[in-house]
């Protein structure tokens, strides 16, 4: 039996073998409903199964996770708040195992220690694994011990943090526990502990409103002095290389801006802090230059204070020593500080 080529045949991978088409009508027979084309009796085509990758892409929100609230201004702060020092700083680190490392830190000939000493030494241990890390630092001269423990919970959906600070005087001892939570478009933090002789508790929340805008706030109660602290933050990404942050904290308004001139090479930032009540303000401009084996940071504020930090790698292999130079010139106060440091690690 010959099947006309103009009769369509429908089928999918999931269909069973199609039934044979009905016989052709005899010559001269009038067309009727029973002699309709075979396509009219064939089942409608089934939709092709959706691709799993397309399903996953459709389920992903266009709003990214904004990260922790306290990190909203880090990309600008690292350009406008440099770690300058005087004297000599030496850090010697040793990787004892893939998960365990120790660090010896020396700071000599400095005038920046709060207790009037001109030198300090501390010993730090740190252990890392897939679920978190723990760290302890001992200062034998001050008789103080600081520790941190971070542990992932619920398969990484939450992070528990514990911070401990003990000293021989006992007046500044602190114990603070935190819980970080997060989902696809938001992050939150809860904290409770003791600090300065009183209880401390607080919380914050950071939410992506649009793919470029994130907003959040934080509240904290300090029992030692009965203060209630609050802050509100909004971050907007104008462009993958441009971002701006606005923060209101205790009556002070902070506006931050960062731009990447050359990706991974040249970054600039600006920070403006002002009081809407007294109209007092402070402006800081900063820049970062990344070269092949060195990095240069410079920042200038509205009072004429200039800070700069230069870091140079002394080798190409991982763990090569790094040499640091720091300088601070405050023309308004007639203050000059110069220091250099050496980081040796393996």
Protein backbone atom coordinates (compact mmCIF):
# COMPACT_ATOMS: atom_id res chain seq x y z
CA UNK A 1 0.00 0.00 0.00
CA UNK A 2 1.39 3.37 -1.01
CA UNK A 3 1.13 6.34 1.40
CA UNK A 4 0.96 9.77 -0.24
CA UNK A 5 4.00 11.88 0.60
CA UNK A 6 1.88 14.97 1.31
CA UNK A 7 0.29 13.37 4.41
CA UNK A 8 2.22 14.56 7.47
CA UNK A 9 3.21 12.18 10.23
CA UNK A 10 3.74 13.54 13.74
CA UNK A 11 5.71 11.87 16.50
CA UNK A 12 8.10 12.42 19.43
CA UNK A 13 10.69 10.39 21.26
CA UNK A 14 8.11 9.46 23.88
CA UNK A 15 5.40 8.35 21.39
CA UNK A 16 4.63 4.69 20.71
CA UNK A 17 4.81 3.45 17.10
CA UNK A 18 2.12 5.16 15.05
CA UNK A 19 -0.85 3.13 13.79
CA UNK A 20 -1.04 2.50 10.04
CA UNK A 21 -2.98 5.13 8.10
CA UNK A 22 -6.52 4.34 6.92
CA UNK A 23 -6.96 2.99 3.36
CA UNK A 24 -7.58 5.35 0.50
CA UNK A 25 -11.22 5.81 -0.63
CA UNK A 26 -12.29 3.93 -3.79
CA UNK A 27 -12.27 5.86 -7.08
CA UNK A 28 -15.29 8.09 -7.50
CA UNK A 29 -16.26 8.12 -3.83
CA UNK A 30 -17.24 11.49 -2.45
CA UNK A 31 -15.16 12.86 0.34
CA UNK A 32 -16.68 12.59 3.81
CA UNK A 33 -15.74 13.06 7.42
CA UNK A 34 -14.55 9.47 7.56
CA UNK A 35 -12.20 10.07 4.65
CA UNK A 36 -10.49 13.14 6.18
CA UNK A 37 -6.74 13.30 5.92
CA UNK A 38 -4.83 11.14 8.36
CA UNK A 39 -3.39 14.22 9.97
CA UNK A 40 -6.80 15.14 11.42
CA UNK A 41 -6.91 11.91 13.42
CA UNK A 42 -3.29 12.08 14.54
CA UNK A 43 -2.66 13.32 18.10
CA UNK A 44 -1.28 16.87 18.49
CA UNK A 45 2.47 17.07 18.87
CA UNK A 46 3.80 17.01 22.40
CA UNK A 47 5.94 19.90 23.63
CA UNK A 48 9.63 19.12 23.68
CA UNK A 49 10.99 18.66 27.21
CA UNK A 50 12.58 21.85 28.51
CA UNK A 51 16.30 21.88 28.92
CA UNK A 52 17.47 21.61 32.53
CA UNK A 53 19.92 24.48 32.05
CA UNK A 54 17.12 26.73 30.79
CA UNK A 55 15.01 25.81 33.80
CA UNK A 56 17.86 26.65 36.18
CA UNK A 57 18.48 29.97 34.45
CA UNK A 58 14.79 30.87 34.64
CA UNK A 59 14.72 30.16 38.37
CA UNK A 60 17.66 32.48 39.11
CA UNK A 61 16.72 35.99 40.14
CA UNK A 62 18.23 38.92 38.29
CA UNK A 63 18.98 40.55 41.67
CA UNK A 64 22.29 39.23 43.06
CA UNK A 65 23.14 38.62 46.69
CA UNK A 66 24.38 41.99 48.03
CA UNK A 67 26.85 40.51 50.51
CA UNK A 68 27.09 41.46 54.19
CA UNK A 69 26.02 44.98 55.18
CA UNK A 70 29.34 45.83 56.83
CA UNK A 71 31.11 45.09 53.53
CA UNK A 72 29.02 47.56 51.52
CA UNK A 73 31.70 50.28 51.79
CA UNK A 74 34.82 48.11 51.96
CA UNK A 75 35.80 48.69 48.34
CA UNK A 76 35.94 52.45 49.01
CA UNK A 77 37.31 52.31 52.57
CA UNK A 78 40.37 50.38 51.49
CA UNK A 79 41.21 53.26 49.14
CA UNK A 80 40.51 56.14 51.54
CA UNK A 81 41.55 54.62 54.91
CA UNK A 82 45.12 53.39 54.64
CA UNK A 83 46.98 51.46 57.32
CA UNK A 84 49.96 53.77 57.86
CA UNK A 85 52.39 53.35 60.75
CA UNK A 86 55.79 54.38 62.00
CA UNK A 87 58.75 52.27 63.03
CA UNK A 88 59.37 48.74 61.79
CA UNK A 89 56.80 46.00 61.36
CA UNK A 90 57.84 42.41 60.65
CA UNK A 91 55.44 39.50 60.13
CA UNK A 92 56.88 36.00 59.84
CA UNK A 93 54.37 33.30 58.92
CA UNK A 94 54.83 29.56 58.57
CA UNK A 95 52.41 27.08 57.02
CA UNK A 96 52.78 23.99 59.21
CA UNK A 97 50.11 22.00 57.32
CA UNK A 98 47.52 22.64 54.61
CA UNK A 99 45.12 23.73 57.36
CA UNK A 100 47.32 25.18 60.09
CA UNK A 101 49.60 28.26 60.12
CA UNK A 102 51.38 30.40 62.71
CA UNK A 103 52.49 34.05 62.57
CA UNK A 104 55.06 35.99 64.61
CA UNK A 105 54.44 39.75 64.52
CA UNK A 106 56.88 42.43 65.69
CA UNK A 107 56.39 46.20 65.83
CA UNK A 108 59.49 48.14 66.89
CA UNK A 109 60.26 51.81 67.39
CA UNK A 110 56.67 53.01 67.19
CA UNK A 111 54.77 55.80 68.94
CA UNK A 112 51.30 54.56 67.98
CA UNK A 113 50.66 52.03 70.78
CA UNK A 114 47.92 53.21 73.17
CA UNK A 115 49.73 52.24 76.39
CA UNK A 116 52.89 54.21 75.64
CA UNK A 117 55.10 51.27 74.70
CA UNK A 118 57.44 51.60 71.74
CA UNK A 119 57.46 47.91 70.79
CA UNK A 120 55.12 44.96 70.74
CA UNK A 121 55.12 41.25 69.92
CA UNK A 122 52.22 38.88 69.28
CA UNK A 123 51.88 35.24 68.33
CA UNK A 124 48.97 34.13 66.13
CA UNK A 125 47.71 30.69 65.16
CA UNK A 126 45.08 30.03 62.54
CA UNK A 127 43.37 26.86 61.36
CA UNK A 128 41.19 26.67 58.25
CA UNK A 129 39.02 23.92 56.83
CA UNK A 130 36.09 23.59 54.45
CA UNK A 131 33.54 24.65 57.08
CA UNK A 132 35.24 27.69 58.64
CA UNK A 133 38.29 28.78 60.56
CA UNK A 134 39.54 29.49 64.07
CA UNK A 135 42.17 32.00 65.14
CA UNK A 136 43.91 32.92 68.39
CA UNK A 137 46.35 35.77 69.10
CA UNK A 138 48.45 36.17 72.26
CA UNK A 139 50.22 39.36 73.37
CA UNK A 140 52.51 38.33 76.26
CA UNK A 141 53.50 41.89 77.19
CA UNK A 142 49.91 43.09 77.59
CA UNK A 143 48.70 39.75 78.91
CA UNK A 144 45.82 39.62 76.40
CA UNK A 145 44.28 36.84 74.32
CA UNK A 146 42.00 37.36 71.32
CA UNK A 147 40.16 34.60 69.52
CA UNK A 148 37.70 34.08 66.67
CA UNK A 149 35.77 31.01 65.55
CA UNK A 150 33.72 30.84 62.34
CA UNK A 151 31.67 27.74 61.58
CA UNK A 152 29.34 27.04 58.65
CA UNK A 153 25.89 25.71 59.52
CA UNK A 154 23.01 24.15 57.56
CA UNK A 155 25.22 23.22 54.65
CA UNK A 156 26.60 26.73 54.27
CA UNK A 157 23.26 28.53 54.48
CA UNK A 158 24.32 30.15 57.77
CA UNK A 159 27.58 31.08 59.46
CA UNK A 160 28.08 31.15 63.24
CA UNK A 161 30.80 33.45 64.62
CA UNK A 162 32.28 33.75 68.09
CA UNK A 163 34.66 36.53 69.14
CA UNK A 164 36.49 36.51 72.49
CA UNK A 165 38.82 39.10 74.01
CA UNK A 166 40.52 38.66 77.40
CA UNK A 167 43.08 40.82 79.17
CA UNK A 168 44.87 40.85 82.52
CA UNK A 169 42.97 43.99 83.63
CA UNK A 170 39.58 42.48 82.82
CA UNK A 171 37.94 45.85 82.14
CA UNK A 172 37.89 45.41 78.36
CA UNK A 173 36.95 41.74 78.18
CA UNK A 174 34.37 40.92 75.56
CA UNK A 175 32.39 37.98 74.27
CA UNK A 176 30.30 38.38 71.12
CA UNK A 177 28.35 35.78 69.19
CA UNK A 178 26.99 36.37 65.69
CA UNK A 179 24.86 34.50 63.18
CA UNK A 180 25.02 35.34 59.48
CA UNK A 181 22.07 34.34 57.31
CA UNK A 182 21.57 34.78 53.61
CA UNK A 183 19.53 33.80 50.59
CA UNK A 184 19.51 34.56 46.90
CA UNK A 185 18.86 38.31 47.22
CA UNK A 186 19.46 39.24 50.88
CA UNK A 187 21.75 38.85 53.87
CA UNK A 188 21.12 39.33 57.59
CA UNK A 189 23.13 39.28 60.81
CA UNK A 190 22.19 38.76 64.46
CA UNK A 191 24.62 39.48 67.30
CA UNK A 192 24.53 39.16 71.07
CA UNK A 193 27.21 39.31 73.73
CA UNK A 194 28.95 41.29 76.43
CA UNK A 195 31.22 44.27 75.85
CA UNK A 196 32.51 47.00 78.16
CA UNK A 197 30.72 45.58 81.19
CA UNK A 198 27.25 45.45 79.60
CA UNK A 199 25.19 43.39 77.23
CA UNK A 200 25.20 44.10 73.51
CA UNK A 201 22.69 42.94 70.94
CA UNK A 202 21.88 44.02 67.43
CA UNK A 203 20.84 43.00 63.95
CA UNK A 204 21.16 44.16 60.36
CA UNK A 205 19.55 43.38 57.01
CA UNK A 206 20.71 44.05 53.44
CA UNK A 207 18.40 43.49 50.45
CA UNK A 208 18.88 43.74 46.69
CA UNK A 209 15.98 45.85 45.40
CA UNK A 210 17.03 45.85 41.75
CA UNK A 211 20.03 44.32 39.96
CA UNK A 212 21.91 47.58 40.69
CA UNK A 213 20.37 48.87 43.93
CA UNK A 214 20.72 47.36 47.41
CA UNK A 215 19.36 48.86 50.63
CA UNK A 216 19.63 47.90 54.29
CA UNK A 217 19.87 49.02 57.88
CA UNK A 218 21.38 48.11 61.22
CA UNK A 219 20.39 48.60 64.85
CA UNK A 220 22.41 47.94 68.00
CA UNK A 221 21.90 48.39 71.73
CA UNK A 222 24.94 48.87 74.01
CA UNK A 223 24.05 48.15 77.62
CA UNK A 224 27.20 49.69 79.12
CA UNK A 225 26.00 53.21 78.33
CA UNK A 226 22.41 52.56 77.29
CA UNK A 227 22.90 53.83 73.76
CA UNK A 228 20.78 52.79 70.80
CA UNK A 229 22.73 52.98 67.53
CA UNK A 230 21.23 52.83 64.06
CA UNK A 231 22.45 53.23 60.51
CA UNK A 232 20.96 53.01 57.02
CA UNK A 233 22.84 52.14 53.83
CA UNK A 234 22.05 52.28 50.11
CA UNK A 235 24.45 51.07 47.41
CA UNK A 236 23.98 51.66 43.70
CA UNK A 237 26.13 50.24 40.88
CA UNK A 238 26.03 52.65 37.97
CA UNK A 239 28.27 50.41 35.87
CA UNK A 240 30.36 47.28 36.44
CA UNK A 241 33.26 49.69 37.10
CA UNK A 242 31.37 52.39 39.03
CA UNK A 243 29.57 52.11 42.36
CA UNK A 244 28.28 54.54 44.95
CA UNK A 245 27.25 54.10 48.59
CA UNK A 246 25.25 56.36 50.88
CA UNK A 247 25.27 55.74 54.62
CA UNK A 248 23.57 57.55 57.50
CA UNK A 249 24.97 56.80 60.93
CA UNK A 250 24.18 58.71 64.13
CA UNK A 251 23.41 61.98 62.40
CA UNK A 252 26.40 61.74 60.03
CA UNK A 253 25.85 61.32 56.29
CA UNK A 254 28.53 59.46 54.32
CA UNK A 255 28.66 59.35 50.51
CA UNK A 256 31.21 57.04 48.88
CA UNK A 257 32.16 56.57 45.25
CA UNK A 258 34.51 54.10 43.58
CA UNK A 259 35.53 53.75 39.94
CA UNK A 260 37.81 51.26 38.25
CA UNK A 261 39.80 53.22 35.64
CA UNK A 262 41.64 50.13 34.41
CA UNK A 263 40.27 46.79 35.67
CA UNK A 264 42.64 45.16 38.18
CA UNK A 265 45.13 47.98 37.62
CA UNK A 266 43.96 51.48 38.57
CA UNK A 267 41.11 52.23 41.01
CA UNK A 268 40.04 55.57 42.48
CA UNK A 269 37.63 56.36 45.30
CA UNK A 270 36.16 59.30 47.17
CA UNK A 271 34.45 59.58 50.55
CA UNK A 272 32.48 62.57 51.82
CA UNK A 273 31.26 62.69 55.42
CA UNK A 274 29.13 65.56 56.62
CA UNK A 275 26.73 66.55 59.39
CA UNK A 276 23.45 68.02 58.07
CA UNK A 277 23.01 69.87 61.38
CA UNK A 278 26.41 71.52 61.88
CA UNK A 279 27.46 71.38 58.18
CA UNK A 280 30.87 70.04 59.21
CA UNK A 281 32.34 67.86 56.49
CA UNK A 282 35.42 65.88 55.53
CA UNK A 283 36.48 64.79 52.04
CA UNK A 284 39.00 62.02 51.31
CA UNK A 285 40.29 61.04 47.88
CA UNK A 286 42.19 57.81 47.28
CA UNK A 287 43.83 55.92 44.43
CA UNK A 288 45.34 52.46 43.96
CA UNK A 289 47.87 51.40 41.32
CA UNK A 290 48.57 47.67 40.81
CA UNK A 291 51.74 46.80 38.93
CA UNK A 292 53.28 43.45 38.13
CA UNK A 293 54.96 42.90 41.50
CA UNK A 294 54.04 46.02 43.45
CA UNK A 295 51.06 48.06 44.62
CA UNK A 296 50.84 51.76 45.46
CA UNK A 297 48.08 53.42 47.50
CA UNK A 298 47.72 57.17 48.06
CA UNK A 299 44.97 59.17 49.77
CA UNK A 300 44.53 62.88 50.57
CA UNK A 301 41.91 64.46 52.83
CA UNK A 302 40.52 67.97 53.08
CA UNK A 303 42.90 69.00 55.89
CA UNK A 304 45.98 68.40 53.76
CA UNK A 305 46.93 65.06 55.33
CA UNK A 306 48.62 62.75 52.83
CA UNK A 307 48.98 59.00 53.34
CA UNK A 308 50.75 56.50 51.13
CA UNK A 309 51.62 52.80 51.25
CA UNK A 310 53.92 50.98 48.84
CA UNK A 311 54.09 47.17 48.74
CA UNK A 312 56.64 45.35 46.59
CA UNK A 313 57.04 41.60 46.12
CA UNK A 314 60.62 40.37 46.23
CA UNK A 315 59.97 37.28 44.13
CA UNK A 316 57.51 35.66 41.74
CA UNK A 317 56.94 32.40 43.60
CA UNK A 318 54.04 32.03 46.10
CA UNK A 319 55.14 32.97 49.59
CA UNK A 320 57.89 35.33 48.44
CA UNK A 321 58.78 38.09 50.93
CA UNK A 322 57.06 41.45 50.57
CA UNK A 323 58.54 44.83 51.49
CA UNK A 324 56.25 47.67 52.64
CA UNK A 325 56.84 51.40 52.99
CA UNK A 326 54.33 53.68 54.75
CA UNK A 327 54.27 57.45 55.16
CA UNK A 328 51.90 60.02 56.63
CA UNK A 329 52.25 63.80 56.37
CA UNK A 330 49.81 66.05 58.25
CA UNK A 331 50.73 69.62 57.36
CA UNK A 332 48.02 71.08 59.57
CA UNK A 333 49.38 69.39 62.73
CA UNK A 334 53.02 69.34 61.68
CA UNK A 335 53.05 65.53 62.01
CA UNK A 336 55.29 63.22 59.99
CA UNK A 337 55.39 59.43 60.27
CA UNK A 338 57.46 56.97 58.28
CA UNK A 339 57.69 53.23 58.58
CA UNK A 340 58.67 50.14 56.71
CA UNK A 341 57.72 46.52 57.06
CA UNK A 342 58.68 43.04 55.91
CA UNK A 343 56.34 40.09 55.43
CA UNK A 344 58.00 36.69 55.26
CA UNK A 345 55.78 33.70 54.64
CA UNK A 346 55.81 30.20 53.23
